């Protein structure tokens, strides 16, 4: 499944880790570039820095084709 996780704080990162462990195709969105850089270094996921409520950010993350948001 293609899943987008918006917000990579403690809760979002925990959810992201579980989803990646289950073999899902995960995209991470967060406002903080340093958080996105850290997530990208730890997990094999696509990372997008931006506001998860912004349509351009969502289009870049592939929201049009995702199965779960």
PDB file of N, CA and C in Angstrom:
ATOM      1  N   UNK A   1       0.830  -1.188   0.000  1.00  0.00           N
ATOM      2  CA  UNK A   1       0.000   0.000   0.000  1.00  0.00           C
ATOM      3  C   UNK A   1       0.870   1.245   0.000  1.00  0.00           C
ATOM      4  N   UNK A   2       0.418   2.278  -0.656  1.00  0.00           N
ATOM      5  CA  UNK A   2       1.098   3.574  -0.603  1.00  0.00           C
ATOM      6  C   UNK A   2       0.414   4.413   0.465  1.00  0.00           C
ATOM      7  N   UNK A   3       1.192   4.807   1.467  1.00  0.00           N
ATOM      8  CA  UNK A   3       0.652   5.502   2.631  1.00  0.00           C
ATOM      9  C   UNK A   3       1.441   6.780   2.874  1.00  0.00           C
ATOM     10  N   UNK A   4       0.718   7.873   3.152  1.00  0.00           N
ATOM     11  CA  UNK A   4       1.354   9.143   3.479  1.00  0.00           C
ATOM     12  C   UNK A   4       1.170   9.399   4.971  1.00  0.00           C
ATOM     13  N   UNK A   5       2.282   9.704   5.639  1.00  0.00           N
ATOM     14  CA  UNK A   5       2.266  10.061   7.059  1.00  0.00           C
ATOM     15  C   UNK A   5       2.627  11.535   7.161  1.00  0.00           C
ATOM     16  N   UNK A   6       1.715  12.333   7.709  1.00  0.00           N
ATOM     17  CA  UNK A   6       1.960  13.764   7.885  1.00  0.00           C
ATOM     18  C   UNK A   6       2.297  14.023   9.344  1.00  0.00           C
ATOM     19  N   UNK A   7       3.461  14.593   9.571  1.00  0.00           N
ATOM     20  CA  UNK A   7       3.917  14.885  10.927  1.00  0.00           C
ATOM     21  C   UNK A   7       4.803  13.757  11.431  1.00  0.00           C
ATOM     22  N   UNK A   8       6.062  14.046  11.612  1.00  0.00           N
ATOM     23  CA  UNK A   8       7.014  13.009  12.001  1.00  0.00           C
ATOM     24  C   UNK A   8       7.596  13.274  13.384  1.00  0.00           C
ATOM     25  N   UNK A   9       6.710  13.586  14.311  1.00  0.00           N
ATOM     26  CA  UNK A   9       7.114  13.667  15.708  1.00  0.00           C
ATOM     27  C   UNK A   9       7.198  12.255  16.267  1.00  0.00           C
ATOM     28  N   UNK A  10       7.060  12.122  17.572  1.00  0.00           N
ATOM     29  CA  UNK A  10       7.155  10.796  18.188  1.00  0.00           C
ATOM     30  C   UNK A  10       6.079   9.850  17.665  1.00  0.00           C
ATOM     31  N   UNK A  11       4.845  10.312  17.623  1.00  0.00           N
ATOM     32  CA  UNK A  11       3.739   9.467  17.162  1.00  0.00           C
ATOM     33  C   UNK A  11       3.837   9.123  15.692  1.00  0.00           C
ATOM     34  N   UNK A  12       4.088  10.139  14.861  1.00  0.00           N
ATOM     35  CA  UNK A  12       4.187   9.915  13.428  1.00  0.00           C
ATOM     36  C   UNK A  12       5.341   9.006  13.052  1.00  0.00           C
ATOM     37  N   UNK A  13       6.467   9.174  13.733  1.00  0.00           N
ATOM     38  CA  UNK A  13       7.627   8.326  13.451  1.00  0.00           C
ATOM     39  C   UNK A  13       7.373   6.889  13.885  1.00  0.00           C
ATOM     40  N   UNK A  14       6.668   6.706  14.983  1.00  0.00           N
ATOM     41  CA  UNK A  14       6.329   5.359  15.440  1.00  0.00           C
ATOM     42  C   UNK A  14       5.415   4.658  14.432  1.00  0.00           C
ATOM     43  N   UNK A  15       4.414   5.382  13.946  1.00  0.00           N
ATOM     44  CA  UNK A  15       3.508   4.838  12.935  1.00  0.00           C
ATOM     45  C   UNK A  15       4.285   4.530  11.658  1.00  0.00           C
ATOM     46  N   UNK A  16       5.126   5.465  11.246  1.00  0.00           N
ATOM     47  CA  UNK A  16       5.932   5.294  10.046  1.00  0.00           C
ATOM     48  C   UNK A  16       6.811   4.055  10.145  1.00  0.00           C
ATOM     49  N   UNK A  17       7.473   3.865  11.274  1.00  0.00           N
ATOM     50  CA  UNK A  17       8.345   2.704  11.463  1.00  0.00           C
ATOM     51  C   UNK A  17       7.562   1.402  11.340  1.00  0.00           C
ATOM     52  N   UNK A  18       6.384   1.354  11.924  1.00  0.00           N
ATOM     53  CA  UNK A  18       5.549   0.148  11.842  1.00  0.00           C
ATOM     54  C   UNK A  18       5.127  -0.128  10.404  1.00  0.00           C
ATOM     55  N   UNK A  19       4.715   0.920   9.696  1.00  0.00           N
ATOM     56  CA  UNK A  19       4.268   0.753   8.316  1.00  0.00           C
ATOM     57  C   UNK A  19       5.409   0.303   7.405  1.00  0.00           C
ATOM     58  N   UNK A  20       6.591   0.866   7.599  1.00  0.00           N
ATOM     59  CA  UNK A  20       7.754   0.458   6.808  1.00  0.00           C
ATOM     60  C   UNK A  20       8.102  -0.994   7.123  1.00  0.00           C
ATOM     61  N   UNK A  21       8.039  -1.376   8.394  1.00  0.00           N
ATOM     62  CA  UNK A  21       8.332  -2.744   8.806  1.00  0.00           C
ATOM     63  C   UNK A  21       7.385  -3.757   8.200  1.00  0.00           C
ATOM     64  N   UNK A  22       6.172  -3.314   7.878  1.00  0.00           N
ATOM     65  CA  UNK A  22       5.183  -4.197   7.250  1.00  0.00           C
ATOM     66  C   UNK A  22       5.337  -4.232   5.733  1.00  0.00           C
ATOM     67  N   UNK A  23       6.293  -3.480   5.196  1.00  0.00           N
ATOM     68  CA  UNK A  23       6.555  -3.517   3.764  1.00  0.00           C
ATOM     69  C   UNK A  23       5.747  -2.542   2.931  1.00  0.00           C
ATOM     70  N   UNK A  24       5.163  -1.545   3.556  1.00  0.00           N
ATOM     71  CA  UNK A  24       4.377  -0.561   2.814  1.00  0.00           C
ATOM     72  C   UNK A  24       5.276   0.481   2.158  1.00  0.00           C
ATOM     73  N   UNK A  25       4.764   1.100   1.119  1.00  0.00           N
ATOM     74  CA  UNK A  25       5.434   2.210   0.433  1.00  0.00           C
ATOM     75  C   UNK A  25       4.983   3.477   1.151  1.00  0.00           C
ATOM     76  N   UNK A  26       5.882   4.078   1.948  1.00  0.00           N
ATOM     77  CA  UNK A  26       5.502   5.183   2.820  1.00  0.00           C
ATOM     78  C   UNK A  26       6.156   6.479   2.355  1.00  0.00           C
ATOM     79  N   UNK A  27       5.383   7.564   2.438  1.00  0.00           N
ATOM     80  CA  UNK A  27       5.875   8.911   2.180  1.00  0.00           C
ATOM     81  C   UNK A  27       5.721   9.701   3.474  1.00  0.00           C
ATOM     82  N   UNK A  28       6.783  10.385   3.900  1.00  0.00           N
ATOM     83  CA  UNK A  28       6.762  11.190   5.117  1.00  0.00           C
ATOM     84  C   UNK A  28       6.709  12.667   4.754  1.00  0.00           C
ATOM     85  N   UNK A  29       5.804  13.405   5.412  1.00  0.00           N
ATOM     86  CA  UNK A  29       5.714  14.856   5.234  1.00  0.00           C
ATOM     87  C   UNK A  29       5.894  15.508   6.593  1.00  0.00           C
ATOM     88  N   UNK A  30       6.770  16.519   6.649  1.00  0.00           N
ATOM     89  CA  UNK A  30       6.949  17.289   7.873  1.00  0.00           C
ATOM     90  C   UNK A  30       7.431  18.686   7.496  1.00  0.00           C
ATOM     91  N   UNK A  31       7.131  19.670   8.360  1.00  0.00           N
ATOM     92  CA  UNK A  31       7.545  21.053   8.117  1.00  0.00           C
ATOM     93  C   UNK A  31       9.038  21.278   8.326  1.00  0.00           C
ATOM     94  N   UNK A  32       9.658  20.466   9.128  1.00  0.00           N
ATOM     95  CA  UNK A  32      11.051  20.669   9.522  1.00  0.00           C
ATOM     96  C   UNK A  32      12.011  19.895   8.611  1.00  0.00           C
ATOM     97  N   UNK A  33      12.918  20.635   7.969  1.00  0.00           N
ATOM     98  CA  UNK A  33      13.886  19.982   7.087  1.00  0.00           C
ATOM     99  C   UNK A  33      14.801  19.047   7.868  1.00  0.00           C
ATOM    100  N   UNK A  34      15.164  19.416   9.098  1.00  0.00           N
ATOM    101  CA  UNK A  34      16.052  18.550   9.887  1.00  0.00           C
ATOM    102  C   UNK A  34      15.362  17.234  10.249  1.00  0.00           C
ATOM    103  N   UNK A  35      14.066  17.289  10.524  1.00  0.00           N
ATOM    104  CA  UNK A  35      13.311  16.060  10.813  1.00  0.00           C
ATOM    105  C   UNK A  35      13.237  15.196   9.560  1.00  0.00           C
ATOM    106  N   UNK A  36      12.956  15.807   8.427  1.00  0.00           N
ATOM    107  CA  UNK A  36      12.881  15.076   7.155  1.00  0.00           C
ATOM    108  C   UNK A  36      14.227  14.439   6.822  1.00  0.00           C
ATOM    109  N   UNK A  37      15.313  15.172   7.051  1.00  0.00           N
ATOM    110  CA  UNK A  37      16.651  14.615   6.789  1.00  0.00           C
ATOM    111  C   UNK A  37      16.919  13.401   7.670  1.00  0.00           C
ATOM    112  N   UNK A  38      16.539  13.492   8.942  1.00  0.00           N
ATOM    113  CA  UNK A  38      16.751  12.375   9.868  1.00  0.00           C
ATOM    114  C   UNK A  38      15.916  11.158   9.478  1.00  0.00           C
ATOM    115  N   UNK A  39      14.658  11.372   9.147  1.00  0.00           N
ATOM    116  CA  UNK A  39      13.776  10.272   8.731  1.00  0.00           C
ATOM    117  C   UNK A  39      14.338   9.614   7.476  1.00  0.00           C
ATOM    118  N   UNK A  40      14.789  10.425   6.518  1.00  0.00           N
ATOM    119  CA  UNK A  40      15.354   9.894   5.280  1.00  0.00           C
ATOM    120  C   UNK A  40      16.609   9.080   5.499  1.00  0.00           C
ATOM    121  N   UNK A  41      17.379   9.421   6.521  1.00  0.00           N
ATOM    122  CA  UNK A  41      18.600   8.675   6.831  1.00  0.00           C
ATOM    123  C   UNK A  41      18.319   7.361   7.541  1.00  0.00           C
ATOM    124  N   UNK A  42      17.223   7.294   8.263  1.00  0.00           N
ATOM    125  CA  UNK A  42      16.906   6.100   9.061  1.00  0.00           C
ATOM    126  C   UNK A  42      16.045   5.108   8.282  1.00  0.00           C
ATOM    127  N   UNK A  43      15.049   5.609   7.556  1.00  0.00           N
ATOM    128  CA  UNK A  43      14.073   4.748   6.888  1.00  0.00           C
ATOM    129  C   UNK A  43      14.161   4.898   5.374  1.00  0.00           C
ATOM    130  N   UNK A  44      13.801   3.847   4.665  1.00  0.00           N
ATOM    131  CA  UNK A  44      13.772   3.861   3.209  1.00  0.00           C
ATOM    132  C   UNK A  44      12.398   4.357   2.762  1.00  0.00           C
ATOM    133  N   UNK A  45      12.187   5.671   2.885  1.00  0.00           N
ATOM    134  CA  UNK A  45      10.910   6.281   2.523  1.00  0.00           C
ATOM    135  C   UNK A  45      11.171   7.545   1.712  1.00  0.00           C
ATOM    136  N   UNK A  46      10.178   7.950   0.937  1.00  0.00           N
ATOM    137  CA  UNK A  46      10.229   9.236   0.262  1.00  0.00           C
ATOM    138  C   UNK A  46       9.903  10.297   1.298  1.00  0.00           C
ATOM    139  N   UNK A  47      10.638  11.389   1.314  1.00  0.00           N
ATOM    140  CA  UNK A  47      10.418  12.451   2.291  1.00  0.00           C
ATOM    141  C   UNK A  47      10.120  13.762   1.581  1.00  0.00           C
ATOM    142  N   UNK A  48       9.132  14.482   2.096  1.00  0.00           N
ATOM    143  CA  UNK A  48       8.759  15.780   1.544  1.00  0.00           C
ATOM    144  C   UNK A  48       8.720  16.781   2.690  1.00  0.00           C
ATOM    145  N   UNK A  49       9.444  17.888   2.532  1.00  0.00           N
ATOM    146  CA  UNK A  49       9.419  18.945   3.532  1.00  0.00           C
ATOM    147  C   UNK A  49       8.353  19.949   3.122  1.00  0.00           C
ATOM    148  N   UNK A  50       7.380  20.167   3.996  1.00  0.00           N
ATOM    149  CA  UNK A  50       6.327  21.127   3.701  1.00  0.00           C
ATOM    150  C   UNK A  50       5.139  20.939   4.613  1.00  0.00           C
ATOM    151  N   UNK A  51       4.132  21.751   4.387  1.00  0.00           N
ATOM    152  CA  UNK A  51       2.904  21.721   5.158  1.00  0.00           C
ATOM    153  C   UNK A  51       1.987  20.628   4.611  1.00  0.00           C
ATOM    154  N   UNK A  52       1.597  19.697   5.447  1.00  0.00           N
ATOM    155  CA  UNK A  52       0.752  18.585   5.027  1.00  0.00           C
ATOM    156  C   UNK A  52      -0.658  18.978   4.636  1.00  0.00           C
ATOM    157  N   UNK A  53      -1.030  20.240   4.849  1.00  0.00           N
ATOM    158  CA  UNK A  53      -2.344  20.734   4.448  1.00  0.00           C
ATOM    159  C   UNK A  53      -2.277  21.528   3.141  1.00  0.00           C
ATOM    160  N   UNK A  54      -1.081  21.687   2.597  1.00  0.00           N
ATOM    161  CA  UNK A  54      -0.876  22.448   1.372  1.00  0.00           C
ATOM    162  C   UNK A  54      -1.036  21.542   0.152  1.00  0.00           C
ATOM    163  N   UNK A  55      -1.816  21.978  -0.816  1.00  0.00           N
ATOM    164  CA  UNK A  55      -2.104  21.127  -1.982  1.00  0.00           C
ATOM    165  C   UNK A  55      -0.844  20.830  -2.803  1.00  0.00           C
ATOM    166  N   UNK A  56       0.064  21.782  -2.925  1.00  0.00           N
ATOM    167  CA  UNK A  56       1.297  21.532  -3.684  1.00  0.00           C
ATOM    168  C   UNK A  56       2.161  20.474  -2.996  1.00  0.00           C
ATOM    169  N   UNK A  57       2.239  20.537  -1.678  1.00  0.00           N
ATOM    170  CA  UNK A  57       2.999  19.542  -0.922  1.00  0.00           C
ATOM    171  C   UNK A  57       2.384  18.166  -1.095  1.00  0.00           C
ATOM    172  N   UNK A  58       1.067  18.100  -1.022  1.00  0.00           N
ATOM    173  CA  UNK A  58       0.369  16.819  -1.173  1.00  0.00           C
ATOM    174  C   UNK A  58       0.539  16.255  -2.576  1.00  0.00           C
ATOM    175  N   UNK A  59       0.517  17.119  -3.586  1.00  0.00           N
ATOM    176  CA  UNK A  59       0.735  16.659  -4.960  1.00  0.00           C
ATOM    177  C   UNK A  59       2.158  16.107  -5.117  1.00  0.00           C
ATOM    178  N   UNK A  60       3.134  16.792  -4.514  1.00  0.00           N
ATOM    179  CA  UNK A  60       4.528  16.329  -4.577  1.00  0.00           C
ATOM    180  C   UNK A  60       4.685  14.973  -3.896  1.00  0.00           C
ATOM    181  N   UNK A  61       3.911  14.764  -2.831  1.00  0.00           N
ATOM    182  CA  UNK A  61       3.987  13.493  -2.084  1.00  0.00           C
ATOM    183  C   UNK A  61       3.219  12.369  -2.775  1.00  0.00           C
ATOM    184  N   UNK A  62       2.429  12.696  -3.774  1.00  0.00           N
ATOM    185  CA  UNK A  62       1.672  11.674  -4.502  1.00  0.00           C
ATOM    186  C   UNK A  62       0.353  11.315  -3.866  1.00  0.00           C
ATOM    187  N   UNK A  63      -0.284  12.270  -3.221  1.00  0.00           N
ATOM    188  CA  UNK A  63      -1.560  12.015  -2.538  1.00  0.00           C
ATOM    189  C   UNK A  63      -2.644  11.517  -3.488  1.00  0.00           C
ATOM    190  N   UNK A  64      -2.532  11.910  -4.734  1.00  0.00           N
ATOM    191  CA  UNK A  64      -3.530  11.506  -5.740  1.00  0.00           C
ATOM    192  C   UNK A  64      -3.593   9.985  -5.890  1.00  0.00           C
ATOM    193  N   UNK A  65      -2.463   9.317  -5.687  1.00  0.00           N
ATOM    194  CA  UNK A  65      -2.388   7.883  -5.901  1.00  0.00           C
ATOM    195  C   UNK A  65      -2.228   7.069  -4.614  1.00  0.00           C
ATOM    196  N   UNK A  66      -2.360   7.714  -3.460  1.00  0.00           N
ATOM    197  CA  UNK A  66      -2.114   6.967  -2.213  1.00  0.00           C
ATOM    198  C   UNK A  66      -3.354   6.178  -1.789  1.00  0.00           C
ATOM    199  N   UNK A  67      -3.109   5.126  -1.018  1.00  0.00           N
ATOM    200  CA  UNK A  67      -4.189   4.290  -0.520  1.00  0.00           C
ATOM    201  C   UNK A  67      -4.664   4.727   0.855  1.00  0.00           C
ATOM    202  N   UNK A  68      -3.776   5.340   1.624  1.00  0.00           N
ATOM    203  CA  UNK A  68      -4.099   5.727   2.999  1.00  0.00           C
ATOM    204  C   UNK A  68      -3.346   6.997   3.325  1.00  0.00           C
ATOM    205  N   UNK A  69      -4.016   7.902   4.034  1.00  0.00           N
ATOM    206  CA  UNK A  69      -3.419   9.189   4.389  1.00  0.00           C
ATOM    207  C   UNK A  69      -3.511   9.368   5.871  1.00  0.00           C
TER     208      UNK A  69
END
